[in-house]
Amino acid sequence: MGTAVIDTEACIAYKGMRCEVCYRECPLIDEAIKLNIYIKPDDPTHAVFAPVIDKEKCVGCGICEERCVVDNPLAIRVKPREIKGLF
């Protein structure tokens, strides 16, 4: 399996649009994907709800990648885990 990785340049949540699809669809909601909520730096009236992956808890199921509303390029992808100590 792998681990989900967020492309913060492609993710609309990091641009200030409220999305939360990957967060809500994750079977390990609020464990494998959490939301980092902060005030938008250039707009003190609005907040950013940025998804953050916990690499220790993500099982790499791929549901987040499948349901992502951004598709060119995908804002979240499951990438193979690095195996330490191999070779």
N, C-alpha and C. Protein backbone atom coordinates (compact mmCIF):
# COMPACT_ATOMS: atom_id res chain seq x y z
N MET A 1 0.84 -1.19 0.00
CA MET A 1 0.00 0.00 0.00
C MET A 1 0.87 1.24 0.00
N GLY A 2 0.21 2.37 0.06
CA GLY A 2 0.93 3.63 0.01
C GLY A 2 0.42 4.62 1.03
N THR A 3 0.72 5.87 0.77
CA THR A 3 0.30 6.97 1.63
C THR A 3 -0.19 8.10 0.75
N ALA A 4 -1.26 8.73 1.15
CA ALA A 4 -1.78 9.88 0.40
C ALA A 4 -0.84 11.07 0.56
N VAL A 5 -0.69 11.80 -0.54
CA VAL A 5 0.14 13.01 -0.56
C VAL A 5 -0.69 14.10 -1.23
N ILE A 6 -0.73 15.27 -0.60
CA ILE A 6 -1.51 16.39 -1.13
C ILE A 6 -0.61 17.32 -1.92
N ASP A 7 -1.06 17.67 -3.12
CA ASP A 7 -0.39 18.69 -3.93
C ASP A 7 -1.02 20.01 -3.52
N THR A 8 -0.34 20.74 -2.66
CA THR A 8 -0.92 21.98 -2.12
C THR A 8 -1.09 23.06 -3.19
N GLU A 9 -0.38 22.93 -4.31
CA GLU A 9 -0.55 23.88 -5.41
C GLU A 9 -1.86 23.62 -6.16
N ALA A 10 -2.29 22.36 -6.21
CA ALA A 10 -3.51 22.00 -6.95
C ALA A 10 -4.76 21.97 -6.06
N CYS A 11 -4.58 21.75 -4.78
CA CYS A 11 -5.71 21.60 -3.85
C CYS A 11 -6.45 22.93 -3.67
N ILE A 12 -7.75 22.92 -3.97
CA ILE A 12 -8.53 24.17 -3.87
C ILE A 12 -8.70 24.62 -2.43
N ALA A 13 -8.63 23.70 -1.48
CA ALA A 13 -8.74 24.09 -0.07
C ALA A 13 -7.58 25.00 0.33
N TYR A 14 -6.39 24.72 -0.18
CA TYR A 14 -5.23 25.55 0.13
C TYR A 14 -5.33 26.92 -0.52
N LYS A 15 -6.19 27.05 -1.52
CA LYS A 15 -6.41 28.34 -2.18
C LYS A 15 -7.52 29.13 -1.49
N GLY A 16 -8.15 28.53 -0.48
CA GLY A 16 -9.17 29.24 0.28
C GLY A 16 -10.60 28.84 -0.05
N MET A 17 -10.79 27.89 -0.97
CA MET A 17 -12.14 27.42 -1.26
C MET A 17 -12.47 26.27 -0.32
N ARG A 18 -13.64 26.27 0.21
CA ARG A 18 -14.03 25.23 1.16
C ARG A 18 -14.36 23.96 0.39
N CYS A 19 -13.66 22.88 0.67
CA CYS A 19 -13.88 21.63 -0.05
C CYS A 19 -14.14 20.49 0.93
N GLU A 20 -13.13 19.98 1.58
CA GLU A 20 -13.23 18.92 2.57
C GLU A 20 -13.64 17.55 2.03
N VAL A 21 -13.68 17.34 0.71
CA VAL A 21 -14.13 16.06 0.17
C VAL A 21 -13.22 14.93 0.63
N CYS A 22 -11.91 15.08 0.49
CA CYS A 22 -11.00 14.01 0.90
C CYS A 22 -11.14 13.72 2.40
N TYR A 23 -11.27 14.77 3.19
CA TYR A 23 -11.42 14.63 4.64
C TYR A 23 -12.70 13.87 4.98
N ARG A 24 -13.80 14.26 4.38
CA ARG A 24 -15.11 13.64 4.68
C ARG A 24 -15.22 12.21 4.16
N GLU A 25 -14.57 11.90 3.04
CA GLU A 25 -14.66 10.57 2.45
C GLU A 25 -13.70 9.56 3.07
N CYS A 26 -12.70 10.03 3.77
CA CYS A 26 -11.70 9.14 4.38
C CYS A 26 -12.36 8.26 5.44
N PRO A 27 -12.17 6.93 5.34
CA PRO A 27 -12.76 6.05 6.36
C PRO A 27 -12.14 6.26 7.74
N LEU A 28 -10.98 6.89 7.78
CA LEU A 28 -10.34 7.20 9.06
C LEU A 28 -10.40 8.71 9.31
N ILE A 29 -11.60 9.27 9.14
CA ILE A 29 -11.82 10.71 9.26
C ILE A 29 -11.27 11.24 10.59
N ASP A 30 -10.58 12.34 10.47
CA ASP A 30 -9.94 13.03 11.60
C ASP A 30 -8.81 12.22 12.24
N GLU A 31 -8.37 11.18 11.54
CA GLU A 31 -7.20 10.43 11.97
C GLU A 31 -6.15 10.46 10.86
N ALA A 32 -6.48 9.86 9.71
CA ALA A 32 -5.53 9.83 8.59
C ALA A 32 -5.48 11.17 7.87
N ILE A 33 -6.62 11.84 7.77
CA ILE A 33 -6.67 13.19 7.21
C ILE A 33 -7.32 14.10 8.25
N LYS A 34 -6.59 15.13 8.62
CA LYS A 34 -7.10 16.13 9.55
C LYS A 34 -7.17 17.46 8.81
N LEU A 35 -7.89 18.39 9.38
CA LEU A 35 -7.98 19.73 8.79
C LEU A 35 -7.16 20.71 9.62
N ASN A 36 -6.29 21.44 8.94
CA ASN A 36 -5.55 22.52 9.55
C ASN A 36 -6.34 23.79 9.23
N ILE A 37 -7.00 24.33 10.22
CA ILE A 37 -7.88 25.49 10.01
C ILE A 37 -7.14 26.75 10.48
N TYR A 38 -7.03 27.70 9.57
CA TYR A 38 -6.34 28.95 9.91
C TYR A 38 -6.94 30.10 9.09
N ILE A 39 -6.72 31.31 9.56
CA ILE A 39 -7.20 32.51 8.86
C ILE A 39 -6.39 32.69 7.58
N LYS A 40 -7.09 32.97 6.50
CA LYS A 40 -6.43 33.17 5.21
C LYS A 40 -5.52 34.39 5.31
N PRO A 41 -4.23 34.24 4.98
CA PRO A 41 -3.28 35.34 5.20
C PRO A 41 -3.65 36.65 4.50
N ASP A 42 -4.20 36.60 3.30
CA ASP A 42 -4.51 37.82 2.57
C ASP A 42 -5.96 38.27 2.73
N ASP A 43 -6.72 37.58 3.62
CA ASP A 43 -8.13 37.89 3.79
C ASP A 43 -8.55 37.52 5.22
N PRO A 44 -8.39 38.43 6.17
CA PRO A 44 -8.64 38.11 7.57
C PRO A 44 -10.10 37.78 7.92
N THR A 45 -10.99 37.87 6.94
CA THR A 45 -12.40 37.55 7.18
C THR A 45 -12.68 36.06 6.98
N HIS A 46 -11.86 35.38 6.16
CA HIS A 46 -12.13 34.00 5.80
C HIS A 46 -11.05 33.04 6.32
N ALA A 47 -11.46 31.79 6.48
CA ALA A 47 -10.54 30.77 6.96
C ALA A 47 -10.22 29.78 5.86
N VAL A 48 -9.09 29.10 6.02
CA VAL A 48 -8.67 28.01 5.14
C VAL A 48 -8.85 26.72 5.92
N PHE A 49 -9.44 25.71 5.29
CA PHE A 49 -9.63 24.39 5.89
C PHE A 49 -8.75 23.43 5.10
N ALA A 50 -7.46 23.42 5.39
CA ALA A 50 -6.46 22.68 4.61
C ALA A 50 -6.32 21.25 5.11
N PRO A 51 -6.51 20.26 4.23
CA PRO A 51 -6.32 18.87 4.64
C PRO A 51 -4.83 18.56 4.85
N VAL A 52 -4.55 17.78 5.87
CA VAL A 52 -3.19 17.36 6.19
C VAL A 52 -3.21 15.86 6.42
N ILE A 53 -2.27 15.15 5.81
CA ILE A 53 -2.20 13.69 5.92
C ILE A 53 -1.32 13.31 7.10
N ASP A 54 -1.79 12.39 7.93
CA ASP A 54 -0.97 11.78 8.97
C ASP A 54 -0.40 10.51 8.36
N LYS A 55 0.88 10.53 7.98
CA LYS A 55 1.50 9.42 7.27
C LYS A 55 1.52 8.13 8.09
N GLU A 56 1.47 8.26 9.39
CA GLU A 56 1.47 7.07 10.25
C GLU A 56 0.11 6.38 10.27
N LYS A 57 -0.95 7.13 10.03
CA LYS A 57 -2.30 6.56 10.12
C LYS A 57 -2.94 6.27 8.77
N CYS A 58 -2.46 6.92 7.70
CA CYS A 58 -3.00 6.69 6.36
C CYS A 58 -2.67 5.27 5.93
N VAL A 59 -3.68 4.54 5.47
CA VAL A 59 -3.48 3.16 5.02
C VAL A 59 -3.34 3.07 3.50
N GLY A 60 -3.49 4.18 2.80
CA GLY A 60 -3.32 4.19 1.35
C GLY A 60 -4.46 3.54 0.59
N CYS A 61 -5.67 3.64 1.10
CA CYS A 61 -6.83 2.97 0.47
C CYS A 61 -7.20 3.59 -0.87
N GLY A 62 -6.90 4.89 -1.07
CA GLY A 62 -7.15 5.54 -2.35
C GLY A 62 -8.51 6.18 -2.50
N ILE A 63 -9.36 6.11 -1.49
CA ILE A 63 -10.69 6.72 -1.60
C ILE A 63 -10.57 8.23 -1.79
N CYS A 64 -9.65 8.86 -1.10
CA CYS A 64 -9.47 10.30 -1.23
C CYS A 64 -9.08 10.67 -2.66
N GLU A 65 -8.19 9.91 -3.24
CA GLU A 65 -7.75 10.16 -4.62
C GLU A 65 -8.92 9.98 -5.60
N GLU A 66 -9.70 8.95 -5.37
CA GLU A 66 -10.85 8.65 -6.24
C GLU A 66 -11.91 9.74 -6.18
N ARG A 67 -12.12 10.33 -5.01
CA ARG A 67 -13.20 11.30 -4.83
C ARG A 67 -12.77 12.76 -4.99
N CYS A 68 -11.49 13.01 -5.16
CA CYS A 68 -11.00 14.39 -5.29
C CYS A 68 -11.71 15.10 -6.44
N VAL A 69 -12.16 16.32 -6.19
CA VAL A 69 -12.89 17.09 -7.21
C VAL A 69 -11.95 17.80 -8.18
N VAL A 70 -10.68 17.85 -7.86
CA VAL A 70 -9.68 18.46 -8.74
C VAL A 70 -9.05 17.32 -9.53
N ASP A 71 -9.08 17.44 -10.87
CA ASP A 71 -8.60 16.28 -11.63
C ASP A 71 -7.50 16.54 -12.64
N ASN A 72 -7.03 17.76 -12.78
CA ASN A 72 -5.98 17.96 -13.76
C ASN A 72 -5.02 19.04 -13.29
N PRO A 73 -4.06 18.71 -12.47
CA PRO A 73 -3.73 17.39 -11.92
C PRO A 73 -4.54 17.11 -10.66
N LEU A 74 -4.57 15.86 -10.26
CA LEU A 74 -5.23 15.50 -9.01
C LEU A 74 -4.54 16.22 -7.86
N ALA A 75 -5.32 16.66 -6.91
CA ALA A 75 -4.76 17.37 -5.77
C ALA A 75 -4.28 16.42 -4.69
N ILE A 76 -4.71 15.17 -4.76
CA ILE A 76 -4.28 14.17 -3.77
C ILE A 76 -4.05 12.85 -4.50
N ARG A 77 -2.93 12.23 -4.19
CA ARG A 77 -2.58 10.95 -4.82
C ARG A 77 -2.00 10.01 -3.76
N VAL A 78 -2.22 8.74 -3.97
CA VAL A 78 -1.60 7.74 -3.10
C VAL A 78 -0.30 7.33 -3.76
N LYS A 79 0.78 7.51 -3.03
CA LYS A 79 2.11 7.15 -3.53
C LYS A 79 2.65 5.99 -2.70
N PRO A 80 3.48 5.15 -3.31
CA PRO A 80 4.03 4.01 -2.56
C PRO A 80 4.82 4.47 -1.34
N ARG A 81 4.71 3.68 -0.30
CA ARG A 81 5.49 3.98 0.91
C ARG A 81 6.95 3.69 0.67
N GLU A 82 7.79 4.48 1.28
CA GLU A 82 9.23 4.20 1.24
C GLU A 82 9.52 3.16 2.30
N ILE A 83 10.20 2.13 1.89
CA ILE A 83 10.53 1.07 2.84
C ILE A 83 11.98 1.28 3.29
N LYS A 84 12.13 1.59 4.57
CA LYS A 84 13.46 1.88 5.11
C LYS A 84 14.19 0.57 5.41
N GLY A 85 15.46 0.59 5.17
CA GLY A 85 16.29 -0.56 5.50
C GLY A 85 16.26 -1.67 4.46
N LEU A 86 15.63 -1.43 3.33
CA LEU A 86 15.56 -2.44 2.27
C LEU A 86 16.72 -2.19 1.32
N PHE A 87 17.57 -3.15 1.19
CA PHE A 87 18.78 -3.11 0.35
C PHE A 87 19.73 -2.12 0.86
